[in-house]
Amino acid sequence: MSFLQAAALLAVAGCGTAVVLTRDPTRQVIVTGFFGLLLAVLFFVFQAPDVALSQIVVGTVAVPVMALLTLARLRTRARRRDQP
């Protein structure tokens, strides 16, 4: 195992821990997007560029955007419900 592979594995492990320890939903989605980017780097380092490209599209862009839109809609509904 090369130094670059070990560093990528440690970065993914650290970021995965950060995702779990983050309590605010908005921040957690942002950290999850960064985690997806690190996973893409990990896949690229382990010579799987096709999987890395898929991970960038899905894990770094699509899922965090959908989660942020869902959080925004939930907050809007909660504000409407709280208003008399």
PDB file of N, CA and C in Angstrom:
ATOM      1  N   MET A   1       0.848  -1.177   0.000  1.00  0.00           N
ATOM      2  CA  MET A   1       0.000   0.000   0.000  1.00  0.00           C
ATOM      3  C   MET A   1       0.890   1.235   0.000  1.00  0.00           C
ATOM      4  N   SER A   2       0.574   2.162  -0.871  1.00  0.00           N
ATOM      5  CA  SER A   2       1.386   3.371  -0.972  1.00  0.00           C
ATOM      6  C   SER A   2       0.965   4.397   0.086  1.00  0.00           C
ATOM      7  N   PHE A   3       1.818   5.409   0.228  1.00  0.00           N
ATOM      8  CA  PHE A   3       1.527   6.480   1.172  1.00  0.00           C
ATOM      9  C   PHE A   3       0.249   7.208   0.792  1.00  0.00           C
ATOM     10  N   LEU A   4       0.037   7.434  -0.496  1.00  0.00           N
ATOM     11  CA  LEU A   4      -1.157   8.146  -0.963  1.00  0.00           C
ATOM     12  C   LEU A   4      -2.436   7.365  -0.649  1.00  0.00           C
ATOM     13  N   GLN A   5      -2.391   6.070  -0.805  1.00  0.00           N
ATOM     14  CA  GLN A   5      -3.556   5.239  -0.483  1.00  0.00           C
ATOM     15  C   GLN A   5      -3.852   5.268   1.019  1.00  0.00           C
ATOM     16  N   ALA A   6      -2.809   5.174   1.828  1.00  0.00           N
ATOM     17  CA  ALA A   6      -2.992   5.222   3.279  1.00  0.00           C
ATOM     18  C   ALA A   6      -3.533   6.575   3.718  1.00  0.00           C
ATOM     19  N   ALA A   7      -3.023   7.648   3.119  1.00  0.00           N
ATOM     20  CA  ALA A   7      -3.509   8.985   3.456  1.00  0.00           C
ATOM     21  C   ALA A   7      -4.977   9.156   3.060  1.00  0.00           C
ATOM     22  N   ALA A   8      -5.359   8.627   1.906  1.00  0.00           N
ATOM     23  CA  ALA A   8      -6.756   8.712   1.478  1.00  0.00           C
ATOM     24  C   ALA A   8      -7.664   7.927   2.407  1.00  0.00           C
ATOM     25  N   LEU A   9      -7.222   6.742   2.814  1.00  0.00           N
ATOM     26  CA  LEU A   9      -8.016   5.949   3.756  1.00  0.00           C
ATOM     27  C   LEU A   9      -8.190   6.662   5.093  1.00  0.00           C
ATOM     28  N   LEU A  10      -7.124   7.271   5.593  1.00  0.00           N
ATOM     29  CA  LEU A  10      -7.219   8.004   6.860  1.00  0.00           C
ATOM     30  C   LEU A  10      -8.117   9.229   6.738  1.00  0.00           C
ATOM     31  N   ALA A  11      -8.054   9.915   5.603  1.00  0.00           N
ATOM     32  CA  ALA A  11      -8.905  11.083   5.395  1.00  0.00           C
ATOM     33  C   ALA A  11     -10.377  10.682   5.347  1.00  0.00           C
ATOM     34  N   VAL A  12     -10.686   9.585   4.669  1.00  0.00           N
ATOM     35  CA  VAL A  12     -12.070   9.100   4.609  1.00  0.00           C
ATOM     36  C   VAL A  12     -12.548   8.688   6.001  1.00  0.00           C
ATOM     37  N   ALA A  13     -11.692   8.010   6.761  1.00  0.00           N
ATOM     38  CA  ALA A  13     -12.065   7.600   8.110  1.00  0.00           C
ATOM     39  C   ALA A  13     -12.313   8.808   9.006  1.00  0.00           C
ATOM     40  N   GLY A  14     -11.456   9.807   8.906  1.00  0.00           N
ATOM     41  CA  GLY A  14     -11.640  11.022   9.709  1.00  0.00           C
ATOM     42  C   GLY A  14     -12.893  11.781   9.344  1.00  0.00           C
ATOM     43  N   CYS A  15     -13.164  11.889   8.052  1.00  0.00           N
ATOM     44  CA  CYS A  15     -14.346  12.617   7.613  1.00  0.00           C
ATOM     45  C   CYS A  15     -15.625  11.843   7.944  1.00  0.00           C
ATOM     46  N   GLY A  16     -15.566  10.520   7.869  1.00  0.00           N
ATOM     47  CA  GLY A  16     -16.715   9.714   8.264  1.00  0.00           C
ATOM     48  C   GLY A  16     -17.047   9.914   9.731  1.00  0.00           C
ATOM     49  N   THR A  17     -16.023  10.007  10.562  1.00  0.00           N
ATOM     50  CA  THR A  17     -16.227  10.292  11.977  1.00  0.00           C
ATOM     51  C   THR A  17     -16.817  11.685  12.164  1.00  0.00           C
ATOM     52  N   ALA A  18     -16.360  12.650  11.381  1.00  0.00           N
ATOM     53  CA  ALA A  18     -16.897  14.010  11.474  1.00  0.00           C
ATOM     54  C   ALA A  18     -18.369  14.050  11.085  1.00  0.00           C
ATOM     55  N   VAL A  19     -18.760  13.263  10.098  1.00  0.00           N
ATOM     56  CA  VAL A  19     -20.172  13.214   9.701  1.00  0.00           C
ATOM     57  C   VAL A  19     -21.023  12.714  10.862  1.00  0.00           C
ATOM     58  N   VAL A  20     -20.559  11.688  11.525  1.00  0.00           N
ATOM     59  CA  VAL A  20     -21.323  11.109  12.631  1.00  0.00           C
ATOM     60  C   VAL A  20     -21.394  12.060  13.818  1.00  0.00           C
ATOM     61  N   LEU A  21     -20.334  12.798  14.080  1.00  0.00           N
ATOM     62  CA  LEU A  21     -20.291  13.673  15.248  1.00  0.00           C
ATOM     63  C   LEU A  21     -20.957  15.024  15.027  1.00  0.00           C
ATOM     64  N   THR A  22     -21.259  15.381  13.796  1.00  0.00           N
ATOM     65  CA  THR A  22     -21.911  16.657  13.509  1.00  0.00           C
ATOM     66  C   THR A  22     -23.398  16.540  13.843  1.00  0.00           C
ATOM     67  N   ARG A  23     -23.928  17.486  14.603  1.00  0.00           N
ATOM     68  CA  ARG A  23     -25.307  17.399  15.067  1.00  0.00           C
ATOM     69  C   ARG A  23     -26.289  18.270  14.272  1.00  0.00           C
ATOM     70  N   ASP A  24     -25.844  19.405  13.774  1.00  0.00           N
ATOM     71  CA  ASP A  24     -26.725  20.290  13.017  1.00  0.00           C
ATOM     72  C   ASP A  24     -26.980  19.688  11.640  1.00  0.00           C
ATOM     73  N   PRO A  25     -28.252  19.514  11.237  1.00  0.00           N
ATOM     74  CA  PRO A  25     -28.537  18.847   9.962  1.00  0.00           C
ATOM     75  C   PRO A  25     -27.925  19.535   8.740  1.00  0.00           C
ATOM     76  N   THR A  26     -27.950  20.848   8.696  1.00  0.00           N
ATOM     77  CA  THR A  26     -27.391  21.551   7.544  1.00  0.00           C
ATOM     78  C   THR A  26     -25.887  21.332   7.450  1.00  0.00           C
ATOM     79  N   ARG A  27     -25.215  21.464   8.559  1.00  0.00           N
ATOM     80  CA  ARG A  27     -23.770  21.227   8.561  1.00  0.00           C
ATOM     81  C   ARG A  27     -23.447  19.773   8.255  1.00  0.00           C
ATOM     82  N   GLN A  28     -24.304  18.871   8.728  1.00  0.00           N
ATOM     83  CA  GLN A  28     -24.065  17.458   8.467  1.00  0.00           C
ATOM     84  C   GLN A  28     -24.166  17.152   6.977  1.00  0.00           C
ATOM     85  N   VAL A  29     -25.095  17.791   6.285  1.00  0.00           N
ATOM     86  CA  VAL A  29     -25.213  17.590   4.837  1.00  0.00           C
ATOM     87  C   VAL A  29     -23.971  18.113   4.125  1.00  0.00           C
ATOM     88  N   ILE A  30     -23.461  19.243   4.564  1.00  0.00           N
ATOM     89  CA  ILE A  30     -22.254  19.801   3.950  1.00  0.00           C
ATOM     90  C   ILE A  30     -21.059  18.884   4.192  1.00  0.00           C
ATOM     91  N   VAL A  31     -20.926  18.374   5.408  1.00  0.00           N
ATOM     92  CA  VAL A  31     -19.824  17.458   5.710  1.00  0.00           C
ATOM     93  C   VAL A  31     -19.997  16.154   4.932  1.00  0.00           C
ATOM     94  N   THR A  32     -21.243  15.720   4.744  1.00  0.00           N
ATOM     95  CA  THR A  32     -21.500  14.520   3.950  1.00  0.00           C
ATOM     96  C   THR A  32     -21.069  14.721   2.494  1.00  0.00           C
ATOM     97  N   GLY A  33     -21.295  15.910   1.946  1.00  0.00           N
ATOM     98  CA  GLY A  33     -20.822  16.203   0.597  1.00  0.00           C
ATOM     99  C   GLY A  33     -19.310  16.158   0.499  1.00  0.00           C
ATOM    100  N   PHE A  34     -18.647  16.693   1.509  1.00  0.00           N
ATOM    101  CA  PHE A  34     -17.185  16.630   1.531  1.00  0.00           C
ATOM    102  C   PHE A  34     -16.711  15.183   1.667  1.00  0.00           C
ATOM    103  N   PHE A  35     -17.442  14.393   2.455  1.00  0.00           N
ATOM    104  CA  PHE A  35     -17.131  12.973   2.601  1.00  0.00           C
ATOM    105  C   PHE A  35     -17.257  12.259   1.250  1.00  0.00           C
ATOM    106  N   GLY A  36     -18.285  12.615   0.477  1.00  0.00           N
ATOM    107  CA  GLY A  36     -18.444  12.037  -0.855  1.00  0.00           C
ATOM    108  C   GLY A  36     -17.279  12.388  -1.764  1.00  0.00           C
ATOM    109  N   LEU A  37     -16.793  13.609  -1.652  1.00  0.00           N
ATOM    110  CA  LEU A  37     -15.636  14.017  -2.448  1.00  0.00           C
ATOM    111  C   LEU A  37     -14.388  13.234  -2.049  1.00  0.00           C
ATOM    112  N   LEU A  38     -14.192  13.036  -0.760  1.00  0.00           N
ATOM    113  CA  LEU A  38     -13.045  12.243  -0.311  1.00  0.00           C
ATOM    114  C   LEU A  38     -13.162  10.790  -0.755  1.00  0.00           C
ATOM    115  N   LEU A  39     -14.378  10.256  -0.768  1.00  0.00           N
ATOM    116  CA  LEU A  39     -14.562   8.906  -1.281  1.00  0.00           C
ATOM    117  C   LEU A  39     -14.201   8.828  -2.763  1.00  0.00           C
ATOM    118  N   ALA A  40     -14.555   9.865  -3.517  1.00  0.00           N
ATOM    119  CA  ALA A  40     -14.191   9.891  -4.933  1.00  0.00           C
ATOM    120  C   ALA A  40     -12.676   9.900  -5.100  1.00  0.00           C
ATOM    121  N   VAL A  41     -11.995  10.674  -4.268  1.00  0.00           N
ATOM    122  CA  VAL A  41     -10.526  10.691  -4.312  1.00  0.00           C
ATOM    123  C   VAL A  41      -9.981   9.308  -3.959  1.00  0.00           C
ATOM    124  N   LEU A  42     -10.570   8.669  -2.963  1.00  0.00           N
ATOM    125  CA  LEU A  42     -10.140   7.330  -2.579  1.00  0.00           C
ATOM    126  C   LEU A  42     -10.301   6.339  -3.728  1.00  0.00           C
ATOM    127  N   PHE A  43     -11.444   6.393  -4.393  1.00  0.00           N
ATOM    128  CA  PHE A  43     -11.666   5.499  -5.531  1.00  0.00           C
ATOM    129  C   PHE A  43     -10.659   5.763  -6.644  1.00  0.00           C
ATOM    130  N   PHE A  44     -10.365   7.035  -6.877  1.00  0.00           N
ATOM    131  CA  PHE A  44      -9.398   7.385  -7.914  1.00  0.00           C
ATOM    132  C   PHE A  44      -8.004   6.877  -7.555  1.00  0.00           C
ATOM    133  N   VAL A  45      -7.629   7.017  -6.282  1.00  0.00           N
ATOM    134  CA  VAL A  45      -6.315   6.559  -5.833  1.00  0.00           C
ATOM    135  C   VAL A  45      -6.198   5.043  -5.966  1.00  0.00           C
ATOM    136  N   PHE A  46      -7.291   4.335  -5.742  1.00  0.00           N
ATOM    137  CA  PHE A  46      -7.282   2.882  -5.892  1.00  0.00           C
ATOM    138  C   PHE A  46      -7.604   2.445  -7.317  1.00  0.00           C
ATOM    139  N   GLN A  47      -7.434   3.345  -8.264  1.00  0.00           N
ATOM    140  CA  GLN A  47      -7.525   3.085  -9.702  1.00  0.00           C
ATOM    141  C   GLN A  47      -8.906   2.603 -10.146  1.00  0.00           C
ATOM    142  N   ALA A  48      -9.935   3.321  -9.688  1.00  0.00           N
ATOM    143  CA  ALA A  48     -11.298   3.062 -10.149  1.00  0.00           C
ATOM    144  C   ALA A  48     -11.914   4.396 -10.573  1.00  0.00           C
ATOM    145  N   PRO A  49     -11.431   4.983 -11.689  1.00  0.00           N
ATOM    146  CA  PRO A  49     -11.901   6.323 -12.069  1.00  0.00           C
ATOM    147  C   PRO A  49     -13.370   6.367 -12.446  1.00  0.00           C
ATOM    148  N   ASP A  50     -13.919   5.285 -12.996  1.00  0.00           N
ATOM    149  CA  ASP A  50     -15.336   5.291 -13.350  1.00  0.00           C
ATOM    150  C   ASP A  50     -16.207   5.364 -12.098  1.00  0.00           C
ATOM    151  N   VAL A  51     -15.823   4.642 -11.064  1.00  0.00           N
ATOM    152  CA  VAL A  51     -16.558   4.697  -9.801  1.00  0.00           C
ATOM    153  C   VAL A  51     -16.382   6.071  -9.156  1.00  0.00           C
ATOM    154  N   ALA A  52     -15.196   6.646  -9.290  1.00  0.00           N
ATOM    155  CA  ALA A  52     -14.935   7.973  -8.728  1.00  0.00           C
ATOM    156  C   ALA A  52     -15.823   9.029  -9.389  1.00  0.00           C
ATOM    157  N   LEU A  53     -15.980   8.960 -10.698  1.00  0.00           N
ATOM    158  CA  LEU A  53     -16.850   9.920 -11.383  1.00  0.00           C
ATOM    159  C   LEU A  53     -18.302   9.770 -10.950  1.00  0.00           C
ATOM    160  N   SER A  54     -18.752   8.537 -10.797  1.00  0.00           N
ATOM    161  CA  SER A  54     -20.109   8.305 -10.309  1.00  0.00           C
ATOM    162  C   SER A  54     -20.275   8.846  -8.894  1.00  0.00           C
ATOM    163  N   GLN A  55     -19.278   8.661  -8.069  1.00  0.00           N
ATOM    164  CA  GLN A  55     -19.339   9.153  -6.693  1.00  0.00           C
ATOM    165  C   GLN A  55     -19.380  10.669  -6.650  1.00  0.00           C
ATOM    166  N   ILE A  56     -18.646  11.317  -7.534  1.00  0.00           N
ATOM    167  CA  ILE A  56     -18.678  12.782  -7.566  1.00  0.00           C
ATOM    168  C   ILE A  56     -20.080  13.269  -7.899  1.00  0.00           C
ATOM    169  N   VAL A  57     -20.695  12.654  -8.887  1.00  0.00           N
ATOM    170  CA  VAL A  57     -22.030  13.099  -9.304  1.00  0.00           C
ATOM    171  C   VAL A  57     -23.069  12.816  -8.228  1.00  0.00           C
ATOM    172  N   VAL A  58     -23.057  11.612  -7.695  1.00  0.00           N
ATOM    173  CA  VAL A  58     -24.099  11.219  -6.753  1.00  0.00           C
ATOM    174  C   VAL A  58     -23.788  11.677  -5.333  1.00  0.00           C
ATOM    175  N   GLY A  59     -22.635  11.308  -4.808  1.00  0.00           N
ATOM    176  CA  GLY A  59     -22.336  11.550  -3.408  1.00  0.00           C
ATOM    177  C   GLY A  59     -21.914  12.962  -3.077  1.00  0.00           C
ATOM    178  N   THR A  60     -21.373  13.679  -4.043  1.00  0.00           N
ATOM    179  CA  THR A  60     -20.892  15.029  -3.776  1.00  0.00           C
ATOM    180  C   THR A  60     -21.883  16.097  -4.211  1.00  0.00           C
ATOM    181  N   VAL A  61     -22.701  15.798  -5.215  1.00  0.00           N
ATOM    182  CA  VAL A  61     -23.610  16.816  -5.742  1.00  0.00           C
ATOM    183  C   VAL A  61     -25.075  16.466  -5.509  1.00  0.00           C
ATOM    184  N   ALA A  62     -25.538  15.352  -6.035  1.00  0.00           N
ATOM    185  CA  ALA A  62     -26.974  15.059  -6.066  1.00  0.00           C
ATOM    186  C   ALA A  62     -27.573  14.866  -4.671  1.00  0.00           C
ATOM    187  N   VAL A  63     -26.996  13.996  -3.878  1.00  0.00           N
ATOM    188  CA  VAL A  63     -27.570  13.701  -2.559  1.00  0.00           C
ATOM    189  C   VAL A  63     -27.525  14.925  -1.637  1.00  0.00           C
ATOM    190  N   PRO A  64     -26.399  15.639  -1.517  1.00  0.00           N
ATOM    191  CA  PRO A  64     -26.422  16.832  -0.656  1.00  0.00           C
ATOM    192  C   PRO A  64     -27.404  17.904  -1.130  1.00  0.00           C
ATOM    193  N   VAL A  65     -27.531  18.096  -2.432  1.00  0.00           N
ATOM    194  CA  VAL A  65     -28.482  19.098  -2.926  1.00  0.00           C
ATOM    195  C   VAL A  65     -29.908  18.690  -2.572  1.00  0.00           C
ATOM    196  N   MET A  66     -30.245  17.416  -2.769  1.00  0.00           N
ATOM    197  CA  MET A  66     -31.592  16.951  -2.416  1.00  0.00           C
ATOM    198  C   MET A  66     -31.847  17.075  -0.918  1.00  0.00           C
ATOM    199  N   ALA A  67     -30.849  16.762  -0.102  1.00  0.00           N
ATOM    200  CA  ALA A  67     -31.015  16.867   1.343  1.00  0.00           C
ATOM    201  C   ALA A  67     -31.178  18.324   1.777  1.00  0.00           C
ATOM    202  N   LEU A  68     -30.411  19.240   1.177  1.00  0.00           N
ATOM    203  CA  LEU A  68     -30.557  20.656   1.519  1.00  0.00           C
ATOM    204  C   LEU A  68     -31.920  21.197   1.085  1.00  0.00           C
ATOM    205  N   LEU A  69     -32.396  20.782  -0.075  1.00  0.00           N
ATOM    206  CA  LEU A  69     -33.732  21.200  -0.508  1.00  0.00           C
ATOM    207  C   LEU A  69     -34.810  20.657   0.427  1.00  0.00           C
ATOM    208  N   THR A  70     -34.653  19.437   0.887  1.00  0.00           N
ATOM    209  CA  THR A  70     -35.605  18.856   1.826  1.00  0.00           C
ATOM    210  C   THR A  70     -35.593  19.608   3.146  1.00  0.00           C
ATOM    211  N   LEU A  71     -34.422  19.936   3.654  1.00  0.00           N
ATOM    212  CA  LEU A  71     -34.339  20.709   4.894  1.00  0.00           C
ATOM    213  C   LEU A  71     -34.978  22.086   4.744  1.00  0.00           C
ATOM    214  N   ALA A  72     -34.763  22.721   3.603  1.00  0.00           N
ATOM    215  CA  ALA A  72     -35.374  24.032   3.370  1.00  0.00           C
ATOM    216  C   ALA A  72     -36.894  23.930   3.338  1.00  0.00           C
ATOM    217  N   ARG A  73     -37.415  22.904   2.701  1.00  0.00           N
ATOM    218  CA  ARG A  73     -38.869  22.730   2.640  1.00  0.00           C
ATOM    219  C   ARG A  73     -39.447  22.434   4.026  1.00  0.00           C
ATOM    220  N   LEU A  74     -38.758  21.626   4.805  1.00  0.00           N
ATOM    221  CA  LEU A  74     -39.236  21.332   6.154  1.00  0.00           C
ATOM    222  C   LEU A  74     -39.261  22.578   7.028  1.00  0.00           C
ATOM    223  N   ARG A  75     -38.253  23.418   6.884  1.00  0.00           N
ATOM    224  CA  ARG A  75     -38.229  24.662   7.661  1.00  0.00           C
ATOM    225  C   ARG A  75     -39.339  25.605   7.227  1.00  0.00           C
ATOM    226  N   THR A  76     -39.612  25.657   5.926  1.00  0.00           N
ATOM    227  CA  THR A  76     -40.696  26.496   5.430  1.00  0.00           C
ATOM    228  C   THR A  76     -42.037  26.013   5.968  1.00  0.00           C
ATOM    229  N   ARG A  77     -42.268  24.725   5.957  1.00  0.00           N
ATOM    230  CA  ARG A  77     -43.523  24.171   6.483  1.00  0.00           C
ATOM    231  C   ARG A  77     -43.645  24.425   7.981  1.00  0.00           C
ATOM    232  N   ALA A  78     -42.549  24.319   8.700  1.00  0.00           N
ATOM    233  CA  ALA A  78     -42.591  24.557  10.145  1.00  0.00           C
ATOM    234  C   ALA A  78     -42.917  26.019  10.436  1.00  0.00           C
ATOM    235  N   ARG A  79     -42.380  26.938   9.642  1.00  0.00           N
ATOM    236  CA  ARG A  79     -42.702  28.363   9.828  1.00  0.00           C
ATOM    237  C   ARG A  79     -44.161  28.643   9.541  1.00  0.00           C
ATOM    238  N   ARG A  80     -44.696  28.049   8.474  1.00  0.00           N
ATOM    239  CA  ARG A  80     -46.110  28.250   8.154  1.00  0.00           C
ATOM    240  C   ARG A  80     -47.005  27.686   9.243  1.00  0.00           C
ATOM    241  N   ARG A  81     -46.643  26.560   9.787  1.00  0.00           N
ATOM    242  CA  ARG A  81     -47.448  25.921  10.810  1.00  0.00           C
ATOM    243  C   ARG A  81     -47.430  26.749  12.106  1.00  0.00           C
ATOM    244  N   ASP A  82     -46.303  27.378  12.405  1.00  0.00           N
ATOM    245  CA  ASP A  82     -46.178  28.150  13.642  1.00  0.00           C
ATOM    246  C   ASP A  82     -46.857  29.502  13.567  1.00  0.00           C
ATOM    247  N   GLN A  83     -47.098  30.030  12.367  1.00  0.00           N
ATOM    248  CA  GLN A  83     -47.748  31.331  12.232  1.00  0.00           C
ATOM    249  C   GLN A  83     -49.251  31.185  12.462  1.00  0.00           C
ATOM    250  N   PRO A  84     -49.857  32.157  13.153  1.00  0.00           N
ATOM    251  CA  PRO A  84     -51.309  32.075  13.398  1.00  0.00           C
ATOM    252  C   PRO A  84     -52.140  32.351  12.172  1.00  0.00           C
TER     253      PRO A  84
END
